[in-house]
Amino acid sequence: MADPGMSVTPYWELTFDADGDVDTGQRDRLLDGVRKRGVADLVVFAHGWNSDRSGATRLYSRFFEPFPVLAPNARLGYVGVLWPSMRFSDEPIPDFKPAPALAPGRPALDKHTRNALVEVFPERATVVEQLARLLEQRPDADTSLEEFGRLVRLLVEVEPQGPQGAFAADTVTGGVPEGLPGMLCGDTVAVCADFAAALAEVETSEVPTGAAVTPPQAWDGAHELLRQATYFAMKRRAGTVGERGLGPLLGRLARTSPQVRVHLVGHSFGARLVSFALRGLPEGVHSVKSVTLLQAAFSHYAFAARLPHDTGSSGVLSGQQKRVDGPLVCCHSKHDSALGTIYPLASRMAGDARTVLGLSVNSLLGRKWGALGYGGVQAVKGTRSFKLADALTAQLPTTGCVNIDASAVVKRGGAPSGAHSDICHRELARVVLAAGRIT
């Protein structure tokens, strides 16, 4: 349990594999330790796109650091969830040591990203090398881009025209999940052009006025296609780990330590993980007292009973906020370009009309496929909304969905992801404590 690099104690880790199976030794140490240490409130944090333990634990240490000072009399315990995810090393994380910069205009896969891809897709090492070679060589022929698209589908195990494939959708139609993202079953050349245009939109907004910008090319779009395809695979995995792994484990904790109040926190796809954990809770378990989603990378309609654009459909987690004996809080930021521009484009479903420029949550398609971490929970009756400053001075609702605009602090980061990973702030720690009514 003791970790010299961790800012808080008692701290436990829970490691899950891609199927949601937990390290049983870690599980047993947690169950035994919570009881022996007299923990009253257990904060459980799931990371997003970090591929290794060191990156995740550094995030947890920094985020948890203010808690003992903010709630000195609380009997707190802390859990860091580790699950097989990854992050492209060119994505900036504020206050974390950046990876060495790649040569400008060359969207090659550096060794860190190649290694991360092999770790999360261990049977596809040859495919990863083929993708890296194409990104390095950047052949002119469209057939090379089509081959790149074929390799991307092979990497994430998707049939080109499969009806559902490997991805867990965020909305369901009449109980049936929607089809694959258009980016994986459409014209690769056109998809890469779309991504290149979206990257141009993001990069233009990030640079000072008058500064020279090299327009993204088709292979820049291909690099983004690989990134987003990988993230959709991680999105599926996050749901699996939450529903099959963390949810049942929390049920076991409720049986062995019924007095413990659990507070779930998730960043990016980790927010999806903790949300799907609600669906995996055994019947009758009411130990989850709050959920805080930080820059959640899944549909803003996930909790909706009816979709505004399709009243016969619902969010995949419709009503799951009722499994929380407290509020489900969604922190969002307009500075998150990964979720504001790239996510809606990547989330197009097969059959939707193509849109290139201006695709944001302010557009029709953007509203349809927008992310929780950009605009908050949508189409859920009774949802309350606050600015961050107001949320920190007001008493938060004790039930239902709550949106908090955290743009005042979640604002640092460069292209392509913007402020997506800028989450280690004292103010957000205060939000978790307020949501859980931890004093």
Protein backbone atom coordinates (compact mmCIF):
# COMPACT_ATOMS: atom_id res chain seq x y z
CA MET A 1 0.00 0.00 0.00
CA ALA A 2 2.75 2.47 0.91
CA ASP A 3 4.14 4.33 -2.08
CA PRO A 4 6.98 6.81 -1.48
CA GLY A 5 5.95 8.75 -4.59
CA MET A 6 2.33 9.19 -3.49
CA SER A 7 1.20 12.42 -1.82
CA VAL A 8 -1.52 10.82 0.32
CA THR A 9 -2.08 7.83 2.53
CA PRO A 10 -3.69 5.35 2.83
CA TYR A 11 -3.47 4.71 -0.89
CA TRP A 12 -4.19 1.50 -2.79
CA GLU A 13 -3.97 0.56 -6.45
CA LEU A 14 -6.31 -1.66 -8.41
CA THR A 15 -4.98 -3.06 -11.69
CA PHE A 16 -7.45 -4.43 -14.25
CA ASP A 17 -6.76 -6.20 -17.52
CA ALA A 18 -8.58 -5.47 -20.79
CA ASP A 19 -11.40 -7.88 -19.86
CA GLY A 20 -12.02 -6.26 -16.49
CA ASP A 21 -10.29 -8.92 -14.38
CA VAL A 22 -8.64 -7.39 -11.31
CA ASP A 23 -5.33 -8.22 -9.66
CA THR A 24 -6.69 -10.31 -6.80
CA GLY A 25 -3.82 -9.51 -4.46
CA GLN A 26 -4.42 -5.79 -4.81
CA ARG A 27 -8.16 -6.30 -4.41
CA ASP A 28 -7.72 -8.25 -1.18
CA ARG A 29 -5.26 -5.68 0.23
CA LEU A 30 -7.80 -2.93 -0.47
CA LEU A 31 -10.72 -4.78 1.11
CA ASP A 32 -8.66 -5.67 4.18
CA GLY A 33 -6.95 -2.28 4.46
CA VAL A 34 -10.12 -0.20 4.23
CA ARG A 35 -11.60 -2.13 7.11
CA LYS A 36 -8.48 -2.02 9.29
CA ARG A 37 -7.74 1.66 8.67
CA GLY A 38 -11.26 2.77 9.52
CA VAL A 39 -11.76 4.58 6.19
CA ALA A 40 -15.05 6.45 6.02
CA ASP A 41 -14.75 8.02 2.54
CA LEU A 42 -12.91 6.27 -0.29
CA VAL A 43 -12.00 8.31 -3.36
CA VAL A 44 -11.51 6.09 -6.43
CA PHE A 45 -9.83 7.74 -9.46
CA ALA A 46 -9.59 6.21 -12.97
CA HIS A 47 -7.09 7.71 -15.42
CA GLY A 48 -7.67 8.36 -19.10
CA TRP A 49 -5.11 7.98 -21.86
CA ASN A 50 -2.01 7.09 -19.83
CA SER A 51 -0.27 3.89 -20.88
CA ASP A 52 1.92 3.11 -17.90
CA ARG A 53 1.73 2.98 -14.11
CA SER A 54 4.19 5.83 -13.54
CA GLY A 55 2.19 8.35 -15.56
CA ALA A 56 -1.07 7.37 -13.88
CA THR A 57 0.32 7.43 -10.36
CA ARG A 58 1.93 10.84 -10.92
CA LEU A 59 -1.48 12.11 -11.97
CA TYR A 60 -3.13 10.61 -8.88
CA SER A 61 -0.49 12.01 -6.55
CA ARG A 62 -0.86 15.52 -7.94
CA PHE A 63 -4.67 15.44 -7.95
CA PHE A 64 -4.99 13.96 -4.45
CA GLU A 65 -2.37 16.23 -2.86
CA PRO A 66 -4.79 19.00 -1.69
CA PHE A 67 -7.32 16.60 -0.13
CA PRO A 68 -5.78 16.20 3.37
CA VAL A 69 -5.54 19.98 3.76
CA LEU A 70 -9.01 20.64 2.36
CA ALA A 71 -10.65 17.98 4.54
CA PRO A 72 -8.31 17.54 7.54
CA ASN A 73 -10.84 15.78 9.74
CA ALA A 74 -12.16 13.35 7.16
CA ARG A 75 -11.15 9.69 7.38
CA LEU A 76 -10.15 9.48 3.71
CA GLY A 77 -8.72 6.63 1.72
CA TYR A 78 -7.57 6.77 -1.91
CA VAL A 79 -7.57 4.32 -4.79
CA GLY A 80 -5.83 4.64 -8.14
CA VAL A 81 -7.34 2.49 -10.90
CA LEU A 82 -4.83 1.19 -13.46
CA TRP A 83 -6.21 -0.17 -16.73
CA PRO A 84 -4.54 -0.91 -20.09
CA SER A 85 -4.89 2.38 -21.93
CA MET A 86 -2.47 4.59 -23.82
CA ARG A 87 -1.59 8.14 -24.79
CA PHE A 88 0.11 9.40 -27.92
CA SER A 89 3.32 11.01 -26.69
CA ASP A 90 2.81 14.20 -28.73
CA GLU A 91 -0.17 15.17 -26.55
CA PRO A 92 0.78 17.84 -24.03
CA ILE A 93 -0.03 17.36 -20.34
CA PRO A 94 0.43 20.55 -18.32
CA ASP A 95 3.25 20.35 -15.73
CA PHE A 96 4.36 16.90 -16.95
CA LYS A 97 7.71 16.48 -18.68
CA PRO A 98 6.97 16.55 -22.42
CA ALA A 99 8.19 13.92 -24.84
CA PRO A 100 10.90 15.01 -27.30
CA ALA A 101 9.37 17.02 -30.11
CA LEU A 102 9.05 15.40 -33.52
CA ALA A 103 10.33 17.09 -36.63
CA PRO A 104 7.75 19.62 -37.84
CA GLY A 105 5.50 18.43 -40.62
CA ARG A 106 6.45 14.77 -40.07
CA PRO A 107 3.65 12.97 -38.20
CA ALA A 108 5.75 9.85 -37.63
CA LEU A 109 5.20 7.53 -34.69
CA ASP A 110 7.99 8.05 -32.16
CA LYS A 111 9.28 5.06 -30.23
CA HIS A 112 7.23 5.90 -27.12
CA THR A 113 3.96 5.82 -29.07
CA ARG A 114 4.97 2.69 -30.99
CA ASN A 115 5.78 0.92 -27.73
CA ALA A 116 2.48 2.05 -26.22
CA LEU A 117 0.55 0.73 -29.23
CA VAL A 118 2.31 -2.63 -28.97
CA GLU A 119 1.50 -2.78 -25.24
CA VAL A 120 -2.22 -2.27 -25.74
CA PHE A 121 -2.40 -4.32 -28.97
CA PRO A 122 0.21 -7.01 -28.19
CA GLU A 123 -0.73 -9.25 -31.12
CA ARG A 124 -0.41 -6.46 -33.66
CA ALA A 125 3.28 -5.51 -33.41
CA THR A 126 3.85 -6.07 -37.14
CA VAL A 127 0.84 -3.90 -38.00
CA VAL A 128 2.17 -1.10 -35.77
CA GLU A 129 5.50 -1.17 -37.62
CA GLN A 130 3.73 -1.06 -41.00
CA LEU A 131 1.69 1.95 -39.87
CA ALA A 132 4.81 3.68 -38.57
CA ARG A 133 6.62 3.07 -41.88
CA LEU A 134 3.78 4.58 -43.92
CA LEU A 135 3.63 7.65 -41.67
CA GLU A 136 7.38 8.10 -42.03
CA GLN A 137 7.49 7.65 -45.81
CA ARG A 138 4.22 9.50 -46.63
CA PRO A 139 3.70 7.99 -50.10
CA ASP A 140 1.80 10.20 -52.55
CA ALA A 141 -0.64 7.61 -53.90
CA ASP A 142 -4.18 7.48 -52.52
CA THR A 143 -3.82 3.71 -52.49
CA SER A 144 -1.27 4.12 -49.70
CA LEU A 145 -3.80 5.99 -47.59
CA GLU A 146 -6.36 3.25 -48.25
CA GLU A 147 -3.78 0.67 -47.15
CA PHE A 148 -3.19 2.76 -44.03
CA GLY A 149 -6.92 2.66 -43.30
CA ARG A 150 -6.97 -1.11 -43.75
CA LEU A 151 -4.11 -1.49 -41.28
CA VAL A 152 -5.85 0.78 -38.76
CA ARG A 153 -8.97 -1.40 -38.92
CA LEU A 154 -6.81 -4.50 -38.50
CA LEU A 155 -5.05 -2.95 -35.50
CA VAL A 156 -8.25 -2.30 -33.59
CA GLU A 157 -9.93 -5.48 -34.83
CA VAL A 158 -12.77 -3.96 -36.84
CA GLU A 159 -14.33 -5.38 -39.98
CA PRO A 160 -14.78 -2.61 -42.59
CA GLN A 161 -18.56 -3.03 -42.88
CA GLY A 162 -19.33 -4.74 -39.59
CA PRO A 163 -22.77 -3.77 -38.18
CA GLN A 164 -21.50 -3.15 -34.66
CA GLY A 165 -17.93 -4.35 -34.47
CA ALA A 166 -15.85 -3.89 -31.37
CA PHE A 167 -17.03 -0.50 -30.16
CA ALA A 168 -19.59 0.06 -27.43
CA ALA A 169 -21.80 2.89 -28.66
CA ASP A 170 -22.88 5.76 -26.42
CA THR A 171 -26.44 5.70 -27.72
CA VAL A 172 -28.84 2.87 -28.45
CA THR A 173 -31.72 2.71 -30.90
CA GLY A 174 -34.55 0.51 -29.75
CA GLY A 175 -32.07 -1.34 -27.54
CA VAL A 176 -29.60 -1.96 -30.40
CA PRO A 177 -26.21 -0.19 -30.36
CA GLU A 178 -25.53 2.10 -33.29
CA GLY A 179 -23.05 1.17 -36.01
CA LEU A 180 -19.34 1.82 -36.34
CA PRO A 181 -17.86 5.30 -36.54
CA GLY A 182 -17.82 6.44 -40.13
CA MET A 183 -14.08 7.00 -39.94
CA LEU A 184 -13.50 3.23 -39.80
CA CYS A 185 -15.83 2.07 -42.54
CA GLY A 186 -15.76 5.00 -44.96
CA ASP A 187 -13.41 6.32 -47.64
CA THR A 188 -10.02 6.61 -45.91
CA VAL A 189 -8.79 9.36 -48.24
CA ALA A 190 -11.85 11.49 -47.50
CA VAL A 191 -11.66 10.77 -43.75
CA CYS A 192 -7.99 11.80 -43.66
CA ALA A 193 -8.87 15.03 -45.47
CA ASP A 194 -11.57 15.71 -42.87
CA PHE A 195 -9.13 15.18 -40.01
CA ALA A 196 -6.49 17.38 -41.68
CA ALA A 197 -9.07 20.16 -41.97
CA ALA A 198 -10.11 19.75 -38.33
CA LEU A 199 -6.47 19.87 -37.24
CA ALA A 200 -6.03 23.08 -39.21
CA GLU A 201 -9.00 24.56 -37.34
CA VAL A 202 -7.54 23.57 -33.96
CA GLU A 203 -3.98 24.70 -34.74
CA THR A 204 -5.14 28.05 -36.09
CA SER A 205 -6.92 28.74 -32.81
CA GLU A 206 -3.78 27.86 -30.83
CA VAL A 207 -1.21 30.12 -32.55
CA PRO A 208 -0.73 33.88 -32.13
CA THR A 209 -2.29 36.14 -34.73
CA GLY A 210 -0.04 36.56 -37.75
CA ALA A 211 2.19 33.57 -36.93
CA ALA A 212 3.06 31.24 -39.78
CA VAL A 213 1.23 27.91 -39.76
CA THR A 214 2.04 24.96 -42.00
CA PRO A 215 -1.32 23.66 -43.26
CA PRO A 216 -1.89 20.01 -42.23
CA GLN A 217 -1.71 17.54 -45.09
CA ALA A 218 -3.46 14.22 -45.76
CA TRP A 219 -0.87 12.23 -43.81
CA ASP A 220 -1.36 14.51 -40.82
CA GLY A 221 -5.00 13.47 -41.08
CA ALA A 222 -3.92 9.83 -41.30
CA HIS A 223 -1.95 10.22 -38.07
CA GLU A 224 -5.08 11.63 -36.43
CA LEU A 225 -7.16 8.75 -37.84
CA LEU A 226 -4.83 6.30 -36.07
CA ARG A 227 -5.05 8.31 -32.85
CA GLN A 228 -8.84 8.42 -32.89
CA ALA A 229 -9.25 4.77 -33.91
CA THR A 230 -7.02 3.80 -31.00
CA TYR A 231 -9.08 5.96 -28.66
CA PHE A 232 -12.30 4.34 -29.79
CA ALA A 233 -10.75 0.98 -28.90
CA MET A 234 -9.79 2.42 -25.50
CA LYS A 235 -13.31 3.77 -25.15
CA ARG A 236 -14.71 0.26 -25.57
CA ARG A 237 -12.15 -1.09 -23.11
CA ALA A 238 -12.98 1.56 -20.50
CA GLY A 239 -16.62 0.50 -20.52
CA THR A 240 -15.67 -3.16 -20.16
CA VAL A 241 -13.31 -2.53 -17.23
CA GLY A 242 -15.91 -0.37 -15.47
CA GLU A 243 -18.89 -2.67 -15.89
CA ARG A 244 -17.19 -6.05 -15.50
CA GLY A 245 -14.37 -5.05 -13.17
CA LEU A 246 -14.80 -1.99 -10.99
CA GLY A 247 -18.59 -2.21 -10.55
CA PRO A 248 -18.62 -5.78 -9.15
CA LEU A 249 -15.58 -4.97 -6.98
CA LEU A 250 -17.44 -2.04 -5.42
CA GLY A 251 -20.27 -4.43 -4.70
CA ARG A 252 -17.86 -6.69 -2.85
CA LEU A 253 -16.50 -3.72 -0.90
CA ALA A 254 -20.05 -2.79 0.10
CA ARG A 255 -20.52 -6.27 1.57
CA THR A 256 -17.25 -6.31 3.54
CA SER A 257 -17.29 -2.64 4.62
CA PRO A 258 -20.89 -1.39 4.36
CA GLN A 259 -20.07 1.83 6.22
CA VAL A 260 -17.61 3.07 3.56
CA ARG A 261 -18.82 5.90 1.31
CA VAL A 262 -17.35 5.63 -2.20
CA HIS A 263 -16.63 8.62 -4.44
CA LEU A 264 -15.79 7.88 -8.08
CA VAL A 265 -13.62 10.23 -10.13
CA GLY A 266 -12.66 9.71 -13.75
CA HIS A 267 -10.69 11.65 -16.36
CA SER A 268 -11.34 11.34 -20.10
CA PHE A 269 -12.08 7.66 -20.83
CA GLY A 270 -11.56 7.01 -17.13
CA ALA A 271 -14.78 9.00 -16.71
CA ARG A 272 -16.45 6.47 -18.97
CA LEU A 273 -14.95 3.68 -16.88
CA VAL A 274 -16.38 4.93 -13.58
CA SER A 275 -19.73 5.67 -15.25
CA PHE A 276 -19.99 2.12 -16.58
CA ALA A 277 -19.08 0.90 -13.10
CA LEU A 278 -22.53 2.14 -12.08
CA ARG A 279 -24.05 -0.28 -14.57
CA GLY A 280 -21.93 -3.05 -13.07
CA LEU A 281 -22.98 -2.40 -9.46
CA PRO A 282 -24.87 -5.35 -7.96
CA GLU A 283 -28.52 -4.72 -7.23
CA GLY A 284 -29.13 -3.10 -3.87
CA VAL A 285 -25.68 -1.51 -3.54
CA HIS A 286 -25.94 2.16 -2.53
CA SER A 287 -22.37 2.86 -1.41
CA VAL A 288 -21.47 5.21 -4.28
CA LYS A 289 -22.15 8.67 -2.86
CA SER A 290 -20.80 10.82 -5.70
CA VAL A 291 -19.36 10.65 -9.21
CA THR A 292 -17.16 13.41 -10.64
CA LEU A 293 -16.36 13.33 -14.36
CA LEU A 294 -13.35 15.39 -15.49
CA GLN A 295 -13.21 16.16 -19.22
CA ALA A 296 -15.23 13.03 -19.94
CA ALA A 297 -14.58 11.67 -23.43
CA PHE A 298 -17.93 10.16 -24.26
CA SER A 299 -21.30 11.33 -25.51
CA HIS A 300 -23.07 14.20 -23.74
CA TYR A 301 -26.28 12.22 -24.33
CA ALA A 302 -25.00 9.06 -22.57
CA PHE A 303 -27.34 9.54 -19.58
CA ALA A 304 -30.34 10.74 -21.62
CA ALA A 305 -33.60 8.80 -21.65
CA ARG A 306 -34.46 10.26 -25.08
CA LEU A 307 -32.22 11.84 -27.68
CA PRO A 308 -33.37 15.23 -29.01
CA HIS A 309 -32.66 14.21 -32.61
CA ASP A 310 -34.09 10.68 -32.25
CA THR A 311 -36.74 10.23 -29.58
CA GLY A 312 -36.75 6.47 -30.14
CA SER A 313 -33.18 6.26 -28.89
CA SER A 314 -31.56 6.68 -25.48
CA GLY A 315 -28.12 7.07 -24.00
CA VAL A 316 -26.26 3.87 -23.23
CA LEU A 317 -26.20 4.85 -19.53
CA SER A 318 -29.75 6.18 -19.42
CA GLY A 319 -30.87 6.42 -15.79
CA GLN A 320 -27.59 5.14 -14.34
CA GLN A 321 -27.13 8.42 -12.48
CA LYS A 322 -29.89 7.12 -10.20
CA ARG A 323 -27.47 4.43 -8.97
CA VAL A 324 -25.54 7.22 -7.23
CA ASP A 325 -26.69 8.08 -3.71
CA GLY A 326 -25.67 11.65 -4.41
CA PRO A 327 -24.88 13.81 -7.45
CA LEU A 328 -23.20 12.93 -10.73
CA VAL A 329 -21.03 15.98 -11.46
CA CYS A 330 -19.67 16.70 -14.92
CA CYS A 331 -16.82 19.23 -15.20
CA HIS A 332 -16.37 20.61 -18.71
CA SER A 333 -14.24 23.22 -20.49
CA LYS A 334 -14.51 25.13 -23.74
CA HIS A 335 -10.69 24.99 -23.98
CA ASP A 336 -10.72 21.21 -24.55
CA SER A 337 -10.13 21.10 -28.31
CA ALA A 338 -9.76 17.30 -28.27
CA LEU A 339 -13.44 17.10 -27.25
CA GLY A 340 -14.69 20.30 -28.86
CA THR A 341 -13.53 19.73 -32.44
CA ILE A 342 -11.82 16.38 -32.97
CA TYR A 343 -14.21 14.22 -30.91
CA PRO A 344 -17.43 15.20 -32.73
CA LEU A 345 -15.74 14.59 -36.07
CA ALA A 346 -14.41 11.19 -34.97
CA SER A 347 -17.81 10.23 -33.53
CA ARG A 348 -19.74 10.41 -36.75
CA MET A 349 -21.65 7.23 -37.32
CA ALA A 350 -21.86 5.39 -40.63
CA GLY A 351 -24.38 7.02 -42.96
CA ASP A 352 -24.14 10.57 -41.60
CA ALA A 353 -23.45 13.32 -44.09
CA ARG A 354 -19.80 14.35 -44.29
CA THR A 355 -18.81 17.70 -42.81
CA VAL A 356 -15.31 19.12 -43.05
CA LEU A 357 -14.86 22.63 -41.64
CA GLY A 358 -16.61 24.25 -38.72
CA LEU A 359 -17.47 20.97 -37.03
CA SER A 360 -17.86 21.93 -33.38
CA VAL A 361 -20.48 21.42 -30.71
CA ASN A 362 -22.12 24.57 -32.06
CA SER A 363 -22.89 22.83 -35.34
CA LEU A 364 -25.80 20.42 -35.79
CA LEU A 365 -23.50 17.41 -36.14
CA GLY A 366 -21.36 18.63 -33.28
CA ARG A 367 -24.39 18.86 -31.01
CA LYS A 368 -25.42 15.37 -32.07
CA TRP A 369 -22.04 13.82 -31.30
CA GLY A 370 -20.66 16.22 -28.68
CA ALA A 371 -18.72 15.12 -25.61
CA LEU A 372 -19.55 15.54 -21.92
CA GLY A 373 -16.20 17.18 -21.23
CA TYR A 374 -16.88 20.01 -23.65
CA GLY A 375 -20.48 20.98 -22.94
CA GLY A 376 -21.68 18.91 -20.01
CA VAL A 377 -24.60 16.51 -19.60
CA GLN A 378 -27.35 17.11 -22.16
CA ALA A 379 -31.02 16.11 -22.43
CA VAL A 380 -31.34 14.87 -18.83
CA LYS A 381 -34.29 16.45 -17.07
CA GLY A 382 -33.45 18.36 -13.91
CA THR A 383 -29.74 18.83 -14.65
CA ARG A 384 -28.35 21.87 -12.82
CA SER A 385 -25.53 24.00 -14.24
CA PHE A 386 -22.93 26.15 -12.46
CA LYS A 387 -19.86 28.18 -13.20
CA LEU A 388 -16.91 26.84 -11.22
CA ALA A 389 -16.71 29.84 -8.89
CA ASP A 390 -20.41 29.55 -8.08
CA ALA A 391 -20.18 25.79 -7.55
CA LEU A 392 -17.44 26.32 -4.96
CA THR A 393 -19.52 28.76 -2.93
CA ALA A 394 -22.98 27.23 -3.36
CA GLN A 395 -24.24 23.97 -1.93
CA LEU A 396 -24.31 21.45 -4.77
CA PRO A 397 -27.48 19.43 -5.40
CA THR A 398 -27.55 16.16 -3.48
CA THR A 399 -28.98 14.11 -6.37
CA GLY A 400 -29.14 14.12 -10.15
CA CYS A 401 -26.78 15.42 -12.81
CA VAL A 402 -24.79 18.61 -12.24
CA ASN A 403 -22.77 20.47 -14.88
CA ILE A 404 -19.84 22.65 -13.79
CA ASP A 405 -18.11 24.89 -16.32
CA ALA A 406 -14.46 24.57 -15.29
CA SER A 407 -13.07 26.66 -18.17
CA ALA A 408 -11.63 29.15 -15.67
CA VAL A 409 -8.97 26.63 -14.60
CA VAL A 410 -9.03 23.90 -17.27
CA LYS A 411 -7.45 26.07 -19.96
CA ARG A 412 -3.80 25.11 -20.57
CA GLY A 413 -2.48 22.86 -23.32
CA GLY A 414 -1.53 22.95 -26.98
CA ALA A 415 -2.80 21.29 -30.15
CA PRO A 416 -4.18 18.78 -30.83
CA SER A 417 -5.80 18.14 -27.44
CA GLY A 418 -5.93 21.61 -25.93
CA ALA A 419 -6.71 21.65 -22.21
CA HIS A 420 -7.98 18.07 -22.16
CA SER A 421 -5.44 16.94 -19.55
CA ASP A 422 -5.27 20.16 -17.51
CA ILE A 423 -7.14 18.72 -14.53
CA CYS A 424 -4.81 18.91 -11.51
CA HIS A 425 -6.27 21.92 -9.74
CA ARG A 426 -7.15 22.56 -6.12
CA GLU A 427 -10.54 23.85 -7.29
CA LEU A 428 -11.39 20.49 -8.87
CA ALA A 429 -10.34 18.68 -5.70
CA ARG A 430 -12.79 20.94 -3.87
CA VAL A 431 -15.50 19.92 -6.37
CA VAL A 432 -14.95 16.23 -5.55
CA LEU A 433 -15.21 16.94 -1.83
CA ALA A 434 -18.31 19.08 -2.28
CA ALA A 435 -20.01 16.51 -4.48
CA GLY A 436 -19.36 13.82 -1.89
CA ARG A 437 -20.35 16.02 1.05
CA ILE A 438 -16.97 15.23 2.60
CA THR A 439 -16.20 17.67 5.42
